[in-house]
Amino acid sequence: MEKTWGSNNNTAIPLTFNLCIRHNSFRRHLPRQMNVTSFDFSMDAMPLRQSSTTSIGRIKPELYKQKSVDAEEAREPVESCGKLSFSLRYDYEEQALVVRILKALDLPAKDFTGTSDPYVKIYLLPERKKKFQTRVHRKNLNPTFDEAFCFAVAYDELCNRKLHFSVYDFDRFTSHDMIGEVVVDNLFELSDLSREAVVWKDIHAATTESVDLGEIMYSLCYLPTAGRMTLTVIKCRNLKAMDITGSSDPYVKVYMVCAGRRLKKRKTTTKKSTLNPTYNEAIIFDIPPENVEQVSLSIMVMDYDRVGHNEVIGVCRAGPDAEGLGRDHWNEMLAYPRKPITHWHALGEWPERAASFESQGSCPSPKHSQTP
């Protein structure tokens, strides 16, 4: 017997008719060059629930292993520029993290003389106003610094902090050259910091200091039989402060994009005066299985401004044409239908915030100046 939905006038509406209306609405938004007139959105054409692989298409579930939310993601190899040694210890009496920069090894030569004049800057992210800097060591590719610095921070806050080391080559007459950087995401990597722990890290090549804009945690879940995708915005952490008060009023805006066109827009509520908002809000898009490999999601964390324009804090992307974790997260969602897949995503920078997203007729490209 066919399932039906009741209405106020007691007239039964077939479920197949309801799905056709919803998916035909999606079809009208697609670019004309896509041959959508041949799509059949009846229940007979929908993939069967018995086999998850048949409803996914080319995705092979065995290729995607489940990952924990905070698991380290595989990253592309980065050029190494030597090694940096430092130690970490927490001073409970002073309520401070003590960082001692010990030495560096095998630094690259930046000067025409075949040597460098290195020094190190250090931040405890997300705070960038306070930084420390070592002395400059002249003509030395293996300098011994042995300098200690104290960051006043409560012990309970350390789990939300990151250490950022920037290694520079001093130049008296021009701007200093950046040799590379080291980022410590987990301060408790080796110990609970009750005793001094010595760490060696590879220095990754960089030309400019990376900007830490924060992270967003969200889950993706796709129901092939219903043609429905649910993105649940869970929370953000360590967002960049956008207001003069040192805080932000963040909300999350999500665009569904197909062939460069912005089809749908959804957004969360705004959380006042916080850099670590919690949302737990679901955003739903209707995407037929035939189109699931042709769309992507553009996710933007915004700072609400009552007087001026809302500003972009950071962006990330999920979809078959995304890069790195954004693509892997999408494929994992397809490989495990009907199951929410959750990951943390680092926010990227949106260049030169200049014009409003709402005032644009098409989806902007990161290569152009835009401002929501």
Protein backbone atom coordinates (compact mmCIF):
# COMPACT_ATOMS: atom_id res chain seq x y z
CA MET A 1 0.00 0.00 0.00
CA GLU A 2 1.38 3.40 -0.97
CA LYS A 3 2.24 5.78 1.88
CA THR A 4 0.23 9.01 1.93
CA TRP A 5 0.28 12.24 3.87
CA GLY A 6 -2.94 13.73 5.23
CA SER A 7 -3.92 17.41 4.89
CA ASN A 8 -6.36 19.71 6.62
CA ASN A 9 -9.19 18.85 4.19
CA ASN A 10 -8.62 15.13 4.79
CA THR A 11 -7.43 14.70 1.20
CA ALA A 12 -4.57 12.19 0.94
CA ILE A 13 -1.55 13.48 -0.99
CA PRO A 14 0.75 10.82 -2.47
CA LEU A 15 4.33 10.95 -1.18
CA THR A 16 5.60 10.55 -4.74
CA PHE A 17 3.77 13.74 -5.77
CA ASN A 18 5.31 15.65 -2.86
CA LEU A 19 8.85 14.53 -3.77
CA CYS A 20 8.29 15.45 -7.41
CA ILE A 21 7.28 18.98 -6.47
CA ARG A 22 10.32 19.44 -4.20
CA HIS A 23 12.86 18.05 -6.64
CA ASN A 24 11.31 19.85 -9.61
CA SER A 25 11.82 23.04 -7.63
CA PHE A 26 15.55 22.17 -7.34
CA ARG A 27 15.62 21.38 -11.07
CA ARG A 28 14.45 24.87 -12.01
CA HIS A 29 17.52 26.36 -10.29
CA LEU A 30 20.06 24.26 -12.20
CA PRO A 31 22.02 25.71 -15.13
CA ARG A 32 20.37 25.17 -18.51
CA GLN A 33 23.33 23.34 -19.98
CA MET A 34 22.68 20.49 -17.57
CA ASN A 35 20.16 18.17 -19.20
CA VAL A 36 17.78 18.16 -16.26
CA THR A 37 14.67 17.57 -18.38
CA SER A 38 15.54 13.90 -18.42
CA PHE A 39 15.55 13.60 -14.63
CA ASP A 40 12.89 11.32 -13.21
CA PHE A 41 12.11 12.12 -9.57
CA SER A 42 9.42 9.50 -9.06
CA MET A 43 9.79 6.97 -6.25
CA ASP A 44 10.48 4.25 -8.82
CA ALA A 45 13.64 6.06 -9.91
CA MET A 46 14.94 6.61 -6.38
CA PRO A 47 17.82 4.36 -5.20
CA LEU A 48 16.87 1.43 -3.02
CA ARG A 49 17.73 1.57 0.68
CA GLN A 50 18.86 -2.07 0.73
CA SER A 51 22.23 -1.26 -0.77
CA SER A 52 24.11 1.88 0.20
CA THR A 53 26.59 1.42 -2.63
CA THR A 54 23.95 1.45 -5.35
CA SER A 55 22.55 4.74 -4.07
CA ILE A 56 25.97 6.31 -4.00
CA GLY A 57 27.19 5.67 -7.52
CA ARG A 58 30.94 5.67 -7.93
CA ILE A 59 31.73 6.05 -4.22
CA LYS A 60 33.29 2.97 -2.59
CA PRO A 61 32.69 2.88 1.18
CA GLU A 62 35.70 0.66 1.82
CA LEU A 63 37.96 3.50 0.70
CA TYR A 64 36.81 5.76 3.51
CA LYS A 65 37.56 4.85 7.10
CA GLN A 66 35.68 6.51 9.92
CA LYS A 67 37.65 9.21 11.66
CA SER A 68 37.18 10.78 15.06
CA VAL A 69 36.14 14.41 15.27
CA ASP A 70 39.49 15.67 16.53
CA ALA A 71 41.67 13.16 14.66
CA GLU A 72 44.71 14.43 12.85
CA GLU A 73 43.92 14.68 9.15
CA ALA A 74 46.38 13.54 6.50
CA ARG A 75 48.05 16.58 5.02
CA GLU A 76 50.08 17.14 1.93
CA PRO A 77 53.85 17.07 2.54
CA VAL A 78 55.30 20.48 3.36
CA GLU A 79 58.87 21.57 2.64
CA SER A 80 60.98 21.38 5.79
CA CYS A 81 63.43 24.17 6.68
CA GLY A 82 65.27 22.59 9.58
CA LYS A 83 64.14 21.75 13.09
CA LEU A 84 63.24 23.76 16.20
CA SER A 85 63.63 22.57 19.77
CA PHE A 86 61.71 24.05 22.69
CA SER A 87 60.33 23.05 26.06
CA LEU A 88 56.93 23.58 27.69
CA ARG A 89 56.00 23.76 31.37
CA TYR A 90 53.07 25.20 33.28
CA ASP A 91 53.81 27.36 36.33
CA TYR A 92 50.84 26.84 38.66
CA GLU A 93 51.93 29.56 41.08
CA GLU A 94 52.22 32.21 38.40
CA GLN A 95 49.32 30.82 36.34
CA ALA A 96 51.50 30.98 33.25
CA LEU A 97 52.76 28.77 30.43
CA VAL A 98 56.56 28.82 30.31
CA VAL A 99 58.01 28.33 26.83
CA ARG A 100 61.77 27.97 26.50
CA ILE A 101 63.15 28.17 22.95
CA LEU A 102 66.25 25.98 23.01
CA LYS A 103 67.86 25.71 19.57
CA ALA A 104 67.38 25.33 15.83
CA LEU A 105 69.17 22.97 13.46
CA ASP A 106 69.87 22.93 9.72
CA LEU A 107 68.32 26.29 8.89
CA PRO A 108 68.50 27.31 5.21
CA ALA A 109 70.88 30.05 4.12
CA LYS A 110 69.01 33.25 3.26
CA ASP A 111 71.94 35.62 2.74
CA PHE A 112 74.19 35.73 -0.32
CA THR A 113 77.09 34.87 1.99
CA GLY A 114 75.62 31.40 2.46
CA THR A 115 74.37 31.90 6.00
CA SER A 116 71.48 33.48 7.96
CA ASP A 117 70.88 35.72 10.97
CA PRO A 118 67.96 33.88 12.62
CA TYR A 119 65.57 34.85 15.39
CA VAL A 120 62.19 33.50 16.52
CA LYS A 121 58.82 35.15 17.21
CA ILE A 122 56.29 33.33 19.37
CA TYR A 123 52.53 33.72 19.86
CA LEU A 124 49.97 31.90 22.00
CA LEU A 125 47.00 31.82 19.63
CA PRO A 126 44.35 33.02 19.18
CA GLU A 127 45.83 36.08 20.93
CA ARG A 128 48.20 37.92 18.58
CA LYS A 129 48.57 41.22 20.40
CA LYS A 130 51.10 39.73 22.80
CA LYS A 131 54.22 38.22 21.28
CA PHE A 132 57.78 37.48 22.29
CA GLN A 133 60.97 37.48 20.26
CA THR A 134 64.41 35.96 20.79
CA ARG A 135 67.73 37.68 20.18
CA VAL A 136 69.24 37.63 16.69
CA HIS A 137 72.08 35.14 16.17
CA ARG A 138 74.50 36.38 13.56
CA LYS A 139 75.68 34.10 10.75
CA ASN A 140 74.47 30.87 12.32
CA LEU A 141 72.43 28.05 10.74
CA ASN A 142 72.38 26.07 14.02
CA PRO A 143 71.69 28.72 16.67
CA THR A 144 71.28 28.03 20.38
CA PHE A 145 68.71 30.45 21.83
CA ASP A 146 67.97 29.13 25.35
CA GLU A 147 65.48 31.91 26.14
CA ALA A 148 62.33 31.50 28.25
CA PHE A 149 59.02 33.36 27.88
CA CYS A 150 55.88 33.35 30.04
CA PHE A 151 52.30 33.58 28.78
CA ALA A 152 49.75 34.39 31.49
CA VAL A 153 46.94 31.91 30.89
CA ALA A 154 44.70 29.72 33.03
CA TYR A 155 45.49 26.01 32.91
CA ASP A 156 41.92 25.15 31.87
CA GLU A 157 42.26 27.40 28.79
CA LEU A 158 45.33 25.65 27.39
CA CYS A 159 43.24 23.08 25.53
CA ASN A 160 41.87 25.93 23.38
CA ARG A 161 45.26 27.54 22.69
CA LYS A 162 47.97 26.96 20.08
CA LEU A 163 51.63 27.91 20.03
CA HIS A 164 52.91 29.59 16.88
CA PHE A 165 56.65 29.97 16.24
CA SER A 166 57.85 32.08 13.29
CA VAL A 167 61.54 31.78 12.35
CA TYR A 168 63.02 34.84 10.59
CA ASP A 169 66.28 35.90 8.98
CA PHE A 170 67.25 39.38 10.15
CA ASP A 171 68.20 41.89 7.46
CA ARG A 172 69.47 45.33 8.43
CA PHE A 173 68.59 47.10 5.17
CA THR A 174 65.44 45.35 3.87
CA SER A 175 62.43 43.56 5.32
CA HIS A 176 63.25 40.44 7.28
CA ASP A 177 62.85 37.14 5.42
CA MET A 178 60.60 34.50 6.93
CA ILE A 179 62.32 31.10 7.03
CA GLY A 180 59.39 29.03 8.25
CA GLU A 181 56.97 28.30 11.07
CA VAL A 182 56.00 25.73 13.66
CA VAL A 183 52.44 25.39 14.98
CA VAL A 184 51.68 23.29 18.08
CA ASP A 185 47.96 22.45 17.99
CA ASN A 186 47.96 20.28 21.12
CA LEU A 187 49.90 21.69 24.06
CA PHE A 188 49.37 18.42 25.97
CA GLU A 189 50.94 16.36 23.20
CA LEU A 190 53.72 14.97 25.39
CA SER A 191 52.66 15.57 28.99
CA ASP A 192 50.31 17.42 31.32
CA LEU A 193 52.96 20.20 31.51
CA SER A 194 53.52 19.69 35.23
CA ARG A 195 57.16 19.00 34.32
CA GLU A 196 59.27 20.50 31.61
CA ALA A 197 58.81 18.61 28.34
CA VAL A 198 61.28 19.06 25.48
CA VAL A 199 59.87 19.01 21.95
CA TRP A 200 61.49 18.83 18.50
CA LYS A 201 59.41 20.00 15.53
CA ASP A 202 60.07 20.37 11.82
CA ILE A 203 60.09 23.97 10.62
CA HIS A 204 57.68 24.20 7.68
CA ALA A 205 58.54 26.58 4.86
CA ALA A 206 56.49 29.78 4.77
CA THR A 207 56.86 33.26 3.30
CA THR A 208 54.26 35.00 5.47
CA GLU A 209 52.81 34.31 8.89
CA SER A 210 49.72 32.17 8.60
CA VAL A 211 46.62 33.87 9.99
CA ASP A 212 44.68 31.80 12.51
CA LEU A 213 41.01 32.60 11.93
CA GLY A 214 39.59 29.78 14.00
CA GLU A 215 37.82 26.51 13.26
CA ILE A 216 34.27 25.31 12.65
CA MET A 217 32.82 21.91 13.50
CA TYR A 218 29.93 20.67 11.39
CA SER A 219 28.41 17.36 10.35
CA LEU A 220 27.15 16.25 6.95
CA CYS A 221 24.43 13.65 6.43
CA TYR A 222 22.82 12.60 3.14
CA LEU A 223 19.58 10.64 2.70
CA PRO A 224 19.65 9.26 -0.88
CA THR A 225 16.04 8.02 -0.90
CA ALA A 226 14.72 11.43 0.16
CA GLY A 227 17.29 13.46 -1.76
CA ARG A 228 17.97 15.50 1.36
CA MET A 229 21.27 16.75 2.79
CA THR A 230 21.58 18.02 6.34
CA LEU A 231 24.51 20.18 7.43
CA THR A 232 24.51 20.64 11.20
CA VAL A 233 26.59 23.58 12.41
CA ILE A 234 27.79 22.40 15.82
CA LYS A 235 30.22 25.03 17.09
CA CYS A 236 33.26 27.19 16.35
CA ARG A 237 36.38 27.80 18.38
CA ASN A 238 39.15 30.40 18.55
CA LEU A 239 37.49 32.74 16.07
CA LYS A 240 39.30 35.92 15.13
CA ALA A 241 38.15 38.96 17.13
CA MET A 242 36.52 41.45 14.76
CA ASP A 243 35.19 44.09 17.20
CA ILE A 244 37.12 46.73 19.11
CA THR A 245 35.95 44.99 22.29
CA GLY A 246 38.16 42.02 21.38
CA SER A 247 35.20 39.79 20.58
CA SER A 248 32.79 39.00 17.71
CA ASP A 249 29.09 38.39 17.10
CA PRO A 250 29.38 35.33 14.86
CA TYR A 251 26.84 33.54 12.72
CA VAL A 252 27.30 30.97 9.95
CA LYS A 253 26.05 31.37 6.40
CA VAL A 254 25.92 28.43 3.97
CA TYR A 255 25.48 28.63 0.19
CA MET A 256 24.65 25.69 -2.07
CA VAL A 257 26.57 26.23 -5.31
CA CYS A 258 26.20 24.46 -8.66
CA ALA A 259 28.33 25.22 -11.73
CA GLY A 260 29.35 28.54 -10.21
CA ARG A 261 25.77 29.59 -9.47
CA ARG A 262 24.48 30.27 -5.98
CA LEU A 263 21.26 28.23 -5.69
CA LYS A 264 20.26 28.41 -2.04
CA LYS A 265 21.31 30.30 1.09
CA ARG A 266 20.76 29.40 4.74
CA LYS A 267 22.16 30.87 7.96
CA THR A 268 22.25 30.23 11.69
CA THR A 269 21.33 32.51 14.54
CA THR A 270 23.84 35.10 15.77
CA LYS A 271 25.74 34.50 19.00
CA LYS A 272 26.66 37.69 20.83
CA SER A 273 30.13 38.57 22.13
CA THR A 274 31.89 35.23 21.83
CA LEU A 275 34.81 33.69 19.97
CA ASN A 276 33.70 30.14 20.80
CA PRO A 277 30.00 29.96 19.84
CA THR A 278 27.87 26.81 20.07
CA TYR A 279 25.00 26.47 17.57
CA ASN A 280 23.75 22.88 17.12
CA GLU A 281 21.55 24.12 14.26
CA ALA A 282 20.57 21.99 11.25
CA ILE A 283 20.55 23.41 7.72
CA ILE A 284 18.72 21.31 5.11
CA PHE A 285 19.12 21.30 1.33
CA ASP A 286 17.12 19.24 -1.18
CA ILE A 287 19.62 17.59 -3.55
CA PRO A 288 18.51 14.72 -5.83
CA PRO A 289 20.96 11.80 -6.01
CA GLU A 290 21.56 12.58 -9.70
CA ASN A 291 22.96 15.99 -8.76
CA VAL A 292 24.87 15.23 -5.57
CA GLU A 293 28.22 15.20 -7.40
CA GLN A 294 27.48 18.49 -9.16
CA VAL A 295 26.91 20.73 -6.13
CA SER A 296 29.11 22.01 -3.31
CA LEU A 297 28.68 24.02 -0.12
CA SER A 298 30.34 27.35 0.65
CA ILE A 299 30.46 27.88 4.43
CA MET A 300 31.17 31.35 5.79
CA VAL A 301 31.56 32.42 9.41
CA MET A 302 30.42 36.04 9.68
CA ASP A 303 30.63 38.80 12.27
CA TYR A 304 27.32 40.64 12.65
CA ASP A 305 27.57 44.44 12.76
CA ARG A 306 24.49 46.46 13.67
CA VAL A 307 25.82 49.69 12.14
CA GLY A 308 28.16 48.82 9.25
CA HIS A 309 28.53 45.85 6.93
CA ASN A 310 28.78 42.33 8.28
CA GLU A 311 32.35 41.09 7.94
CA VAL A 312 33.75 37.70 6.98
CA ILE A 313 35.73 35.99 9.73
CA GLY A 314 36.69 32.97 7.64
CA VAL A 315 35.46 30.51 5.05
CA CYS A 316 35.67 26.84 4.11
CA ARG A 317 34.19 24.64 1.41
CA ALA A 318 32.76 21.13 1.14
CA GLY A 319 32.07 19.27 -2.07
CA PRO A 320 33.57 17.14 -4.84
CA ASP A 321 35.53 20.15 -6.14
CA ALA A 322 36.79 21.25 -2.71
CA GLU A 323 40.36 20.70 -1.56
CA GLY A 324 41.74 18.51 1.20
CA LEU A 325 39.43 17.81 4.11
CA GLY A 326 36.50 19.58 2.42
CA ARG A 327 36.52 16.98 -0.36
CA ASP A 328 37.25 14.06 1.98
CA HIS A 329 34.39 15.04 4.30
CA TRP A 330 31.98 15.14 1.34
CA ASN A 331 33.08 11.74 0.03
CA GLU A 332 32.84 10.22 3.49
CA MET A 333 29.27 11.53 3.78
CA LEU A 334 28.38 9.79 0.50
CA ALA A 335 30.13 6.60 1.53
CA TYR A 336 28.08 6.37 4.72
CA PRO A 337 24.53 7.50 3.83
CA ARG A 338 22.04 8.31 6.60
CA LYS A 339 24.91 8.72 9.09
CA PRO A 340 26.12 12.16 10.29
CA ILE A 341 29.85 12.60 9.63
CA THR A 342 31.51 15.22 11.83
CA HIS A 343 34.85 17.02 11.45
CA TRP A 344 36.63 20.20 12.51
CA HIS A 345 37.55 22.48 9.58
CA ALA A 346 40.11 25.30 9.68
CA LEU A 347 38.77 28.60 8.38
CA GLY A 348 40.53 30.21 5.45
CA GLU A 349 40.92 33.88 4.67
CA TRP A 350 38.49 35.71 2.35
CA PRO A 351 40.59 38.25 0.38
CA GLU A 352 39.92 41.99 0.54
CA ARG A 353 36.44 42.30 1.94
CA ALA A 354 35.02 44.90 -0.43
CA ALA A 355 31.46 44.27 -1.60
CA SER A 356 28.37 42.65 -0.13
CA PHE A 357 27.49 39.06 -0.99
CA GLU A 358 23.81 39.97 -0.90
CA SER A 359 24.32 42.64 -3.56
CA GLN A 360 25.96 40.25 -6.03
CA GLY A 361 24.08 38.41 -8.75
CA SER A 362 26.40 35.40 -8.85
CA CYS A 363 28.47 33.38 -6.48
CA PRO A 364 31.83 35.13 -5.92
CA SER A 365 35.15 33.46 -6.46
CA PRO A 366 37.86 33.61 -3.78
CA LYS A 367 40.09 35.17 -6.42
CA HIS A 368 37.97 38.33 -6.43
CA SER A 369 37.27 40.91 -3.76
CA GLN A 370 33.96 40.35 -1.99
CA THR A 371 32.38 41.13 1.33
CA PRO A 372 29.11 39.73 2.62
